[in-house]
Amino acid sequence: MKPSFVYGGDAFGVNPPRVTQQYGEILTKLLGASLVKNIAEKSPGPIKLTLAEPVAVDDVARACAAGAIGDADGVADGADAIKACAARMA
């Protein structure tokens, strides 16, 4: 599992850093747009990471569960791969 940034819950936190579900969904809409994804793919490492689409903690948990029961294998790297694995648990 290789998410870029995980969001969820109903409270902001500093240690560990986290943002709320509502704020994360806004970031997902912005950073998940095809224009931003295209720019991120062509950008150097630090910029690419900054522009990476965040992933909901629920999707990370579902993807981990899919891997644990054998419904997914390999490395889920990034939001799209994690969401694809999570969908197997729906």
PDB file of N, CA and C in Angstrom:
ATOM      1  N   MET A   1       0.851  -1.158   0.000  1.00  0.00           N
ATOM      2  CA  MET A   1       0.000   0.000   0.000  1.00  0.00           C
ATOM      3  C   MET A   1       0.900   1.225   0.000  1.00  0.00           C
ATOM      4  N   LYS A   2       0.723   2.070  -1.005  1.00  0.00           N
ATOM      5  CA  LYS A   2       1.551   3.272  -1.100  1.00  0.00           C
ATOM      6  C   LYS A   2       0.672   4.491  -1.380  1.00  0.00           C
ATOM      7  N   PRO A   3      -0.095   4.929  -0.377  1.00  0.00           N
ATOM      8  CA  PRO A   3      -0.896   6.146  -0.582  1.00  0.00           C
ATOM      9  C   PRO A   3      -0.011   7.379  -0.477  1.00  0.00           C
ATOM     10  N   SER A   4      -0.452   8.456  -1.098  1.00  0.00           N
ATOM     11  CA  SER A   4       0.302   9.696  -0.991  1.00  0.00           C
ATOM     12  C   SER A   4      -0.061  10.426   0.299  1.00  0.00           C
ATOM     13  N   PHE A   5      -1.332  10.606   0.528  1.00  0.00           N
ATOM     14  CA  PHE A   5      -1.837  11.348   1.670  1.00  0.00           C
ATOM     15  C   PHE A   5      -3.177  10.731   2.021  1.00  0.00           C
ATOM     16  N   VAL A   6      -3.389  10.389   3.268  1.00  0.00           N
ATOM     17  CA  VAL A   6      -4.619   9.738   3.700  1.00  0.00           C
ATOM     18  C   VAL A   6      -5.429  10.735   4.525  1.00  0.00           C
ATOM     19  N   TYR A   7      -6.730  10.793   4.248  1.00  0.00           N
ATOM     20  CA  TYR A   7      -7.612  11.687   4.997  1.00  0.00           C
ATOM     21  C   TYR A   7      -8.800  10.907   5.532  1.00  0.00           C
ATOM     22  N   GLY A   8      -9.470  11.474   6.533  1.00  0.00           N
ATOM     23  CA  GLY A   8     -10.685  10.872   7.059  1.00  0.00           C
ATOM     24  C   GLY A   8     -10.958  11.320   8.474  1.00  0.00           C
ATOM     25  N   GLY A   9     -12.126  10.960   8.953  1.00  0.00           N
ATOM     26  CA  GLY A   9     -12.522  11.342  10.295  1.00  0.00           C
ATOM     27  C   GLY A   9     -13.172  12.706  10.334  1.00  0.00           C
ATOM     28  N   ASP A  10     -13.362  13.200  11.550  1.00  0.00           N
ATOM     29  CA  ASP A  10     -14.066  14.473  11.700  1.00  0.00           C
ATOM     30  C   ASP A  10     -13.267  15.520  12.459  1.00  0.00           C
ATOM     31  N   ALA A  11     -11.947  15.278  12.620  1.00  0.00           N
ATOM     32  CA  ALA A  11     -11.113  16.240  13.343  1.00  0.00           C
ATOM     33  C   ALA A  11      -9.758  16.390  12.658  1.00  0.00           C
ATOM     34  N   PHE A  12      -9.263  17.614  12.668  1.00  0.00           N
ATOM     35  CA  PHE A  12      -7.916  17.874  12.194  1.00  0.00           C
ATOM     36  C   PHE A  12      -6.938  17.433  13.277  1.00  0.00           C
ATOM     37  N   GLY A  13      -5.741  17.043  12.884  1.00  0.00           N
ATOM     38  CA  GLY A  13      -4.735  16.658  13.861  1.00  0.00           C
ATOM     39  C   GLY A  13      -3.350  17.040  13.382  1.00  0.00           C
ATOM     40  N   VAL A  14      -2.438  17.156  14.327  1.00  0.00           N
ATOM     41  CA  VAL A  14      -1.062  17.517  14.010  1.00  0.00           C
ATOM     42  C   VAL A  14      -0.149  16.300  14.089  1.00  0.00           C
ATOM     43  N   ASN A  15      -0.365  15.446  15.074  1.00  0.00           N
ATOM     44  CA  ASN A  15       0.512  14.296  15.271  1.00  0.00           C
ATOM     45  C   ASN A  15      -0.325  13.052  15.539  1.00  0.00           C
ATOM     46  N   PRO A  16      -0.568  12.193  14.589  1.00  0.00           N
ATOM     47  CA  PRO A  16      -0.110  12.262  13.203  1.00  0.00           C
ATOM     48  C   PRO A  16      -0.929  13.291  12.426  1.00  0.00           C
ATOM     49  N   PRO A  17      -0.341  13.824  11.356  1.00  0.00           N
ATOM     50  CA  PRO A  17      -1.067  14.837  10.582  1.00  0.00           C
ATOM     51  C   PRO A  17      -2.282  14.215   9.896  1.00  0.00           C
ATOM     52  N   ARG A  18      -3.408  14.888   9.993  1.00  0.00           N
ATOM     53  CA  ARG A  18      -4.610  14.405   9.329  1.00  0.00           C
ATOM     54  C   ARG A  18      -5.569  15.556   9.092  1.00  0.00           C
ATOM     55  N   VAL A  19      -6.386  15.395   8.076  1.00  0.00           N
ATOM     56  CA  VAL A  19      -7.436  16.358   7.780  1.00  0.00           C
ATOM     57  C   VAL A  19      -8.762  15.613   7.768  1.00  0.00           C
ATOM     58  N   THR A  20      -9.831  16.372   7.869  1.00  0.00           N
ATOM     59  CA  THR A  20     -11.164  15.777   7.944  1.00  0.00           C
ATOM     60  C   THR A  20     -11.603  15.182   6.615  1.00  0.00           C
ATOM     61  N   GLN A  21     -12.633  14.364   6.687  1.00  0.00           N
ATOM     62  CA  GLN A  21     -13.219  13.755   5.497  1.00  0.00           C
ATOM     63  C   GLN A  21     -13.676  14.835   4.524  1.00  0.00           C
ATOM     64  N   GLN A  22     -14.369  15.844   5.029  1.00  0.00           N
ATOM     65  CA  GLN A  22     -14.898  16.904   4.181  1.00  0.00           C
ATOM     66  C   GLN A  22     -13.778  17.654   3.451  1.00  0.00           C
ATOM     67  N   TYR A  23     -12.738  18.024   4.155  1.00  0.00           N
ATOM     68  CA  TYR A  23     -11.610  18.732   3.553  1.00  0.00           C
ATOM     69  C   TYR A  23     -10.887  17.828   2.550  1.00  0.00           C
ATOM     70  N   GLY A  24     -10.715  16.566   2.905  1.00  0.00           N
ATOM     71  CA  GLY A  24     -10.063  15.613   2.015  1.00  0.00           C
ATOM     72  C   GLY A  24     -10.827  15.413   0.718  1.00  0.00           C
ATOM     73  N   GLU A  25     -12.148  15.395   0.794  1.00  0.00           N
ATOM     74  CA  GLU A  25     -12.961  15.239  -0.421  1.00  0.00           C
ATOM     75  C   GLU A  25     -12.788  16.432  -1.363  1.00  0.00           C
ATOM     76  N   ILE A  26     -12.639  17.614  -0.805  1.00  0.00           N
ATOM     77  CA  ILE A  26     -12.394  18.800  -1.634  1.00  0.00           C
ATOM     78  C   ILE A  26     -11.042  18.676  -2.323  1.00  0.00           C
ATOM     79  N   LEU A  27     -10.022  18.265  -1.565  1.00  0.00           N
ATOM     80  CA  LEU A  27      -8.693  18.072  -2.157  1.00  0.00           C
ATOM     81  C   LEU A  27      -8.717  16.997  -3.240  1.00  0.00           C
ATOM     82  N   THR A  28      -9.487  15.940  -3.018  1.00  0.00           N
ATOM     83  CA  THR A  28      -9.588  14.869  -4.008  1.00  0.00           C
ATOM     84  C   THR A  28     -10.181  15.389  -5.310  1.00  0.00           C
ATOM     85  N   LYS A  29     -11.201  16.212  -5.215  1.00  0.00           N
ATOM     86  CA  LYS A  29     -11.812  16.778  -6.429  1.00  0.00           C
ATOM     87  C   LYS A  29     -10.819  17.663  -7.179  1.00  0.00           C
ATOM     88  N   LEU A  30     -10.072  18.468  -6.445  1.00  0.00           N
ATOM     89  CA  LEU A  30      -9.110  19.372  -7.081  1.00  0.00           C
ATOM     90  C   LEU A  30      -7.914  18.616  -7.654  1.00  0.00           C
ATOM     91  N   LEU A  31      -7.279  17.790  -6.820  1.00  0.00           N
ATOM     92  CA  LEU A  31      -6.053  17.108  -7.238  1.00  0.00           C
ATOM     93  C   LEU A  31      -6.322  15.869  -8.085  1.00  0.00           C
ATOM     94  N   GLY A  32      -7.568  15.402  -8.102  1.00  0.00           N
ATOM     95  CA  GLY A  32      -7.931  14.251  -8.920  1.00  0.00           C
ATOM     96  C   GLY A  32      -8.349  14.625 -10.328  1.00  0.00           C
ATOM     97  N   ALA A  33      -8.438  15.916 -10.608  1.00  0.00           N
ATOM     98  CA  ALA A  33      -8.812  16.376 -11.946  1.00  0.00           C
ATOM     99  C   ALA A  33      -7.743  15.978 -12.953  1.00  0.00           C
ATOM    100  N   SER A  34      -8.165  15.634 -14.147  1.00  0.00           N
ATOM    101  CA  SER A  34      -7.217  15.135 -15.156  1.00  0.00           C
ATOM    102  C   SER A  34      -6.116  16.150 -15.470  1.00  0.00           C
ATOM    103  N   LEU A  35      -6.426  17.425 -15.483  1.00  0.00           N
ATOM    104  CA  LEU A  35      -5.408  18.445 -15.759  1.00  0.00           C
ATOM    105  C   LEU A  35      -4.311  18.401 -14.695  1.00  0.00           C
ATOM    106  N   VAL A  36      -4.702  18.346 -13.430  1.00  0.00           N
ATOM    107  CA  VAL A  36      -3.721  18.317 -12.343  1.00  0.00           C
ATOM    108  C   VAL A  36      -2.922  17.018 -12.384  1.00  0.00           C
ATOM    109  N   LYS A  37      -3.600  15.902 -12.666  1.00  0.00           N
ATOM    110  CA  LYS A  37      -2.892  14.614 -12.757  1.00  0.00           C
ATOM    111  C   LYS A  37      -1.853  14.645 -13.876  1.00  0.00           C
ATOM    112  N   ASN A  38      -2.190  15.235 -15.007  1.00  0.00           N
ATOM    113  CA  ASN A  38      -1.241  15.335 -16.124  1.00  0.00           C
ATOM    114  C   ASN A  38      -0.036  16.191 -15.753  1.00  0.00           C
ATOM    115  N   ILE A  39      -0.280  17.287 -15.071  1.00  0.00           N
ATOM    116  CA  ILE A  39       0.824  18.152 -14.633  1.00  0.00           C
ATOM    117  C   ILE A  39       1.696  17.404 -13.631  1.00  0.00           C
ATOM    118  N   ALA A  40       1.064  16.698 -12.687  1.00  0.00           N
ATOM    119  CA  ALA A  40       1.810  15.958 -11.661  1.00  0.00           C
ATOM    120  C   ALA A  40       2.701  14.891 -12.282  1.00  0.00           C
ATOM    121  N   GLU A  41       2.197  14.177 -13.285  1.00  0.00           N
ATOM    122  CA  GLU A  41       2.968  13.109 -13.927  1.00  0.00           C
ATOM    123  C   GLU A  41       4.242  13.629 -14.578  1.00  0.00           C
ATOM    124  N   LYS A  42       4.208  14.867 -15.032  1.00  0.00           N
ATOM    125  CA  LYS A  42       5.349  15.446 -15.736  1.00  0.00           C
ATOM    126  C   LYS A  42       6.251  16.276 -14.826  1.00  0.00           C
ATOM    127  N   SER A  43       5.903  16.354 -13.555  1.00  0.00           N
ATOM    128  CA  SER A  43       6.643  17.201 -12.617  1.00  0.00           C
ATOM    129  C   SER A  43       7.728  16.419 -11.884  1.00  0.00           C
ATOM    130  N   PRO A  44       8.747  17.143 -11.382  1.00  0.00           N
ATOM    131  CA  PRO A  44       9.782  16.489 -10.570  1.00  0.00           C
ATOM    132  C   PRO A  44       9.197  16.019  -9.235  1.00  0.00           C
ATOM    133  N   GLY A  45       9.915  15.134  -8.557  1.00  0.00           N
ATOM    134  CA  GLY A  45       9.477  14.468  -7.341  1.00  0.00           C
ATOM    135  C   GLY A  45       8.707  15.284  -6.319  1.00  0.00           C
ATOM    136  N   PRO A  46       9.274  16.356  -5.753  1.00  0.00           N
ATOM    137  CA  PRO A  46       8.565  17.091  -4.707  1.00  0.00           C
ATOM    138  C   PRO A  46       7.249  17.706  -5.189  1.00  0.00           C
ATOM    139  N   ILE A  47       7.242  18.202  -6.404  1.00  0.00           N
ATOM    140  CA  ILE A  47       6.012  18.791  -6.939  1.00  0.00           C
ATOM    141  C   ILE A  47       4.996  17.698  -7.227  1.00  0.00           C
ATOM    142  N   LYS A  48       5.471  16.593  -7.773  1.00  0.00           N
ATOM    143  CA  LYS A  48       4.592  15.461  -8.057  1.00  0.00           C
ATOM    144  C   LYS A  48       3.917  14.982  -6.774  1.00  0.00           C
ATOM    145  N   LEU A  49       4.660  14.876  -5.688  1.00  0.00           N
ATOM    146  CA  LEU A  49       4.101  14.433  -4.409  1.00  0.00           C
ATOM    147  C   LEU A  49       3.088  15.443  -3.877  1.00  0.00           C
ATOM    148  N   THR A  50       3.391  16.721  -4.015  1.00  0.00           N
ATOM    149  CA  THR A  50       2.485  17.768  -3.551  1.00  0.00           C
ATOM    150  C   THR A  50       1.164  17.733  -4.308  1.00  0.00           C
ATOM    151  N   LEU A  51       1.212  17.394  -5.588  1.00  0.00           N
ATOM    152  CA  LEU A  51       0.006  17.364  -6.414  1.00  0.00           C
ATOM    153  C   LEU A  51      -0.691  16.003  -6.432  1.00  0.00           C
ATOM    154  N   ALA A  52      -0.155  15.031  -5.700  1.00  0.00           N
ATOM    155  CA  ALA A  52      -0.748  13.692  -5.691  1.00  0.00           C
ATOM    156  C   ALA A  52      -2.128  13.718  -5.044  1.00  0.00           C
ATOM    157  N   GLU A  53      -3.040  12.981  -5.645  1.00  0.00           N
ATOM    158  CA  GLU A  53      -4.409  12.896  -5.132  1.00  0.00           C
ATOM    159  C   GLU A  53      -4.426  12.171  -3.786  1.00  0.00           C
ATOM    160  N   PRO A  54      -5.100  12.735  -2.777  1.00  0.00           N
ATOM    161  CA  PRO A  54      -5.189  12.048  -1.488  1.00  0.00           C
ATOM    162  C   PRO A  54      -6.171  10.877  -1.563  1.00  0.00           C
ATOM    163  N   VAL A  55      -6.125  10.014  -0.553  1.00  0.00           N
ATOM    164  CA  VAL A  55      -6.972   8.823  -0.523  1.00  0.00           C
ATOM    165  C   VAL A  55      -7.705   8.759   0.812  1.00  0.00           C
ATOM    166  N   ALA A  56      -8.977   8.403   0.765  1.00  0.00           N
ATOM    167  CA  ALA A  56      -9.770   8.264   1.989  1.00  0.00           C
ATOM    168  C   ALA A  56      -9.274   7.077   2.805  1.00  0.00           C
ATOM    169  N   VAL A  57      -9.247   7.247   4.109  1.00  0.00           N
ATOM    170  CA  VAL A  57      -8.797   6.171   4.995  1.00  0.00           C
ATOM    171  C   VAL A  57      -9.660   4.929   4.810  1.00  0.00           C
ATOM    172  N   ASP A  58     -10.934   5.101   4.508  1.00  0.00           N
ATOM    173  CA  ASP A  58     -11.815   3.952   4.280  1.00  0.00           C
ATOM    174  C   ASP A  58     -11.382   3.153   3.058  1.00  0.00           C
ATOM    175  N   ASP A  59     -10.942   3.845   2.003  1.00  0.00           N
ATOM    176  CA  ASP A  59     -10.456   3.144   0.811  1.00  0.00           C
ATOM    177  C   ASP A  59      -9.157   2.395   1.098  1.00  0.00           C
ATOM    178  N   VAL A  60      -8.280   3.011   1.893  1.00  0.00           N
ATOM    179  CA  VAL A  60      -7.028   2.336   2.259  1.00  0.00           C
ATOM    180  C   VAL A  60      -7.343   1.078   3.066  1.00  0.00           C
ATOM    181  N   ALA A  61      -8.275   1.173   3.999  1.00  0.00           N
ATOM    182  CA  ALA A  61      -8.641   0.021   4.821  1.00  0.00           C
ATOM    183  C   ALA A  61      -9.250  -1.090   3.966  1.00  0.00           C
ATOM    184  N   ARG A  62     -10.149  -0.744   3.047  1.00  0.00           N
ATOM    185  CA  ARG A  62     -10.762  -1.757   2.177  1.00  0.00           C
ATOM    186  C   ARG A  62      -9.719  -2.419   1.278  1.00  0.00           C
ATOM    187  N   ALA A  63      -8.796  -1.626   0.760  1.00  0.00           N
ATOM    188  CA  ALA A  63      -7.742  -2.188  -0.099  1.00  0.00           C
ATOM    189  C   ALA A  63      -6.844  -3.126   0.697  1.00  0.00           C
ATOM    190  N   CYS A  64      -6.519  -2.764   1.923  1.00  0.00           N
ATOM    191  CA  CYS A  64      -5.722  -3.648   2.780  1.00  0.00           C
ATOM    192  C   CYS A  64      -6.472  -4.945   3.065  1.00  0.00           C
ATOM    193  N   ALA A  65      -7.766  -4.832   3.318  1.00  0.00           N
ATOM    194  CA  ALA A  65      -8.571  -6.025   3.571  1.00  0.00           C
ATOM    195  C   ALA A  65      -8.622  -6.914   2.333  1.00  0.00           C
ATOM    196  N   ALA A  66      -8.755  -6.312   1.157  1.00  0.00           N
ATOM    197  CA  ALA A  66      -8.762  -7.091  -0.090  1.00  0.00           C
ATOM    198  C   ALA A  66      -7.455  -7.860  -0.246  1.00  0.00           C
ATOM    199  N   GLY A  67      -6.352  -7.227   0.071  1.00  0.00           N
ATOM    200  CA  GLY A  67      -5.061  -7.898  -0.002  1.00  0.00           C
ATOM    201  C   GLY A  67      -4.941  -9.002   1.030  1.00  0.00           C
ATOM    202  N   ALA A  68      -5.468  -8.757   2.221  1.00  0.00           N
ATOM    203  CA  ALA A  68      -5.362  -9.732   3.305  1.00  0.00           C
ATOM    204  C   ALA A  68      -6.135 -11.016   3.009  1.00  0.00           C
ATOM    205  N   ILE A  69      -7.265 -10.906   2.302  1.00  0.00           N
ATOM    206  CA  ILE A  69      -8.056 -12.108   2.010  1.00  0.00           C
ATOM    207  C   ILE A  69      -7.765 -12.684   0.629  1.00  0.00           C
ATOM    208  N   GLY A  70      -6.790 -12.080  -0.056  1.00  0.00           N
ATOM    209  CA  GLY A  70      -6.369 -12.628  -1.340  1.00  0.00           C
ATOM    210  C   GLY A  70      -7.134 -12.130  -2.551  1.00  0.00           C
ATOM    211  N   ASP A  71      -7.971 -11.093  -2.381  1.00  0.00           N
ATOM    212  CA  ASP A  71      -8.701 -10.536  -3.520  1.00  0.00           C
ATOM    213  C   ASP A  71      -7.867  -9.535  -4.315  1.00  0.00           C
ATOM    214  N   ALA A  72      -6.725  -9.162  -3.789  1.00  0.00           N
ATOM    215  CA  ALA A  72      -5.822  -8.238  -4.475  1.00  0.00           C
ATOM    216  C   ALA A  72      -4.394  -8.647  -4.131  1.00  0.00           C
ATOM    217  N   ASP A  73      -3.489  -8.415  -5.067  1.00  0.00           N
ATOM    218  CA  ASP A  73      -2.089  -8.727  -4.796  1.00  0.00           C
ATOM    219  C   ASP A  73      -1.209  -7.669  -5.415  1.00  0.00           C
ATOM    220  N   GLY A  74       0.053  -7.690  -5.085  1.00  0.00           N
ATOM    221  CA  GLY A  74       0.990  -6.701  -5.600  1.00  0.00           C
ATOM    222  C   GLY A  74       0.956  -5.442  -4.760  1.00  0.00           C
ATOM    223  N   VAL A  75       1.443  -4.369  -5.356  1.00  0.00           N
ATOM    224  CA  VAL A  75       1.533  -3.086  -4.667  1.00  0.00           C
ATOM    225  C   VAL A  75       0.483  -2.137  -5.223  1.00  0.00           C
ATOM    226  N   ALA A  76      -0.324  -1.588  -4.353  1.00  0.00           N
ATOM    227  CA  ALA A  76      -1.299  -0.569  -4.742  1.00  0.00           C
ATOM    228  C   ALA A  76      -0.611   0.773  -4.531  1.00  0.00           C
ATOM    229  N   ASP A  77      -0.126   1.363  -5.621  1.00  0.00           N
ATOM    230  CA  ASP A  77       0.648   2.598  -5.559  1.00  0.00           C
ATOM    231  C   ASP A  77      -0.173   3.756  -6.093  1.00  0.00           C
ATOM    232  N   GLY A  78      -0.626   4.621  -5.212  1.00  0.00           N
ATOM    233  CA  GLY A  78      -1.381   5.797  -5.610  1.00  0.00           C
ATOM    234  C   GLY A  78      -2.883   5.618  -5.467  1.00  0.00           C
ATOM    235  N   ALA A  79      -3.586   6.734  -5.589  1.00  0.00           N
ATOM    236  CA  ALA A  79      -5.026   6.774  -5.347  1.00  0.00           C
ATOM    237  C   ALA A  79      -5.808   5.846  -6.268  1.00  0.00           C
ATOM    238  N   ASP A  80      -5.506   5.849  -7.561  1.00  0.00           N
ATOM    239  CA  ASP A  80      -6.278   5.032  -8.494  1.00  0.00           C
ATOM    240  C   ASP A  80      -6.139   3.548  -8.195  1.00  0.00           C
ATOM    241  N   ALA A  81      -4.935   3.090  -7.923  1.00  0.00           N
ATOM    242  CA  ALA A  81      -4.709   1.671  -7.617  1.00  0.00           C
ATOM    243  C   ALA A  81      -5.364   1.279  -6.297  1.00  0.00           C
ATOM    244  N   ILE A  82      -5.302   2.154  -5.319  1.00  0.00           N
ATOM    245  CA  ILE A  82      -5.910   1.869  -4.016  1.00  0.00           C
ATOM    246  C   ILE A  82      -7.424   1.808  -4.149  1.00  0.00           C
ATOM    247  N   LYS A  83      -8.009   2.741  -4.882  1.00  0.00           N
ATOM    248  CA  LYS A  83      -9.456   2.734  -5.092  1.00  0.00           C
ATOM    249  C   LYS A  83      -9.906   1.476  -5.837  1.00  0.00           C
ATOM    250  N   ALA A  84      -9.113   1.041  -6.791  1.00  0.00           N
ATOM    251  CA  ALA A  84      -9.436  -0.177  -7.533  1.00  0.00           C
ATOM    252  C   ALA A  84      -9.443  -1.396  -6.613  1.00  0.00           C
ATOM    253  N   CYS A  85      -8.461  -1.482  -5.731  1.00  0.00           N
ATOM    254  CA  CYS A  85      -8.410  -2.597  -4.765  1.00  0.00           C
ATOM    255  C   CYS A  85      -9.584  -2.488  -3.782  1.00  0.00           C
ATOM    256  N   ALA A  86      -9.871  -1.288  -3.332  1.00  0.00           N
ATOM    257  CA  ALA A  86     -10.973  -1.081  -2.372  1.00  0.00           C
ATOM    258  C   ALA A  86     -12.305  -1.483  -2.980  1.00  0.00           C
ATOM    259  N   ALA A  87     -12.479  -1.256  -4.264  1.00  0.00           N
ATOM    260  CA  ALA A  87     -13.741  -1.593  -4.934  1.00  0.00           C
ATOM    261  C   ALA A  87     -14.015  -3.095  -4.907  1.00  0.00           C
ATOM    262  N   ARG A  88     -12.975  -3.896  -4.781  1.00  0.00           N
ATOM    263  CA  ARG A  88     -13.147  -5.357  -4.719  1.00  0.00           C
ATOM    264  C   ARG A  88     -13.818  -5.789  -3.434  1.00  0.00           C
ATOM    265  N   MET A  89     -13.836  -4.910  -2.439  1.00  0.00           N
ATOM    266  CA  MET A  89     -14.465  -5.238  -1.150  1.00  0.00           C
ATOM    267  C   MET A  89     -15.882  -4.688  -1.044  1.00  0.00           C
ATOM    268  N   ALA A  90     -16.352  -4.016  -2.059  1.00  0.00           N
ATOM    269  CA  ALA A  90     -17.689  -3.392  -2.001  1.00  0.00           C
ATOM    270  C   ALA A  90     -18.796  -4.397  -2.133  1.00  0.00           C
TER     271      ALA A  90
END
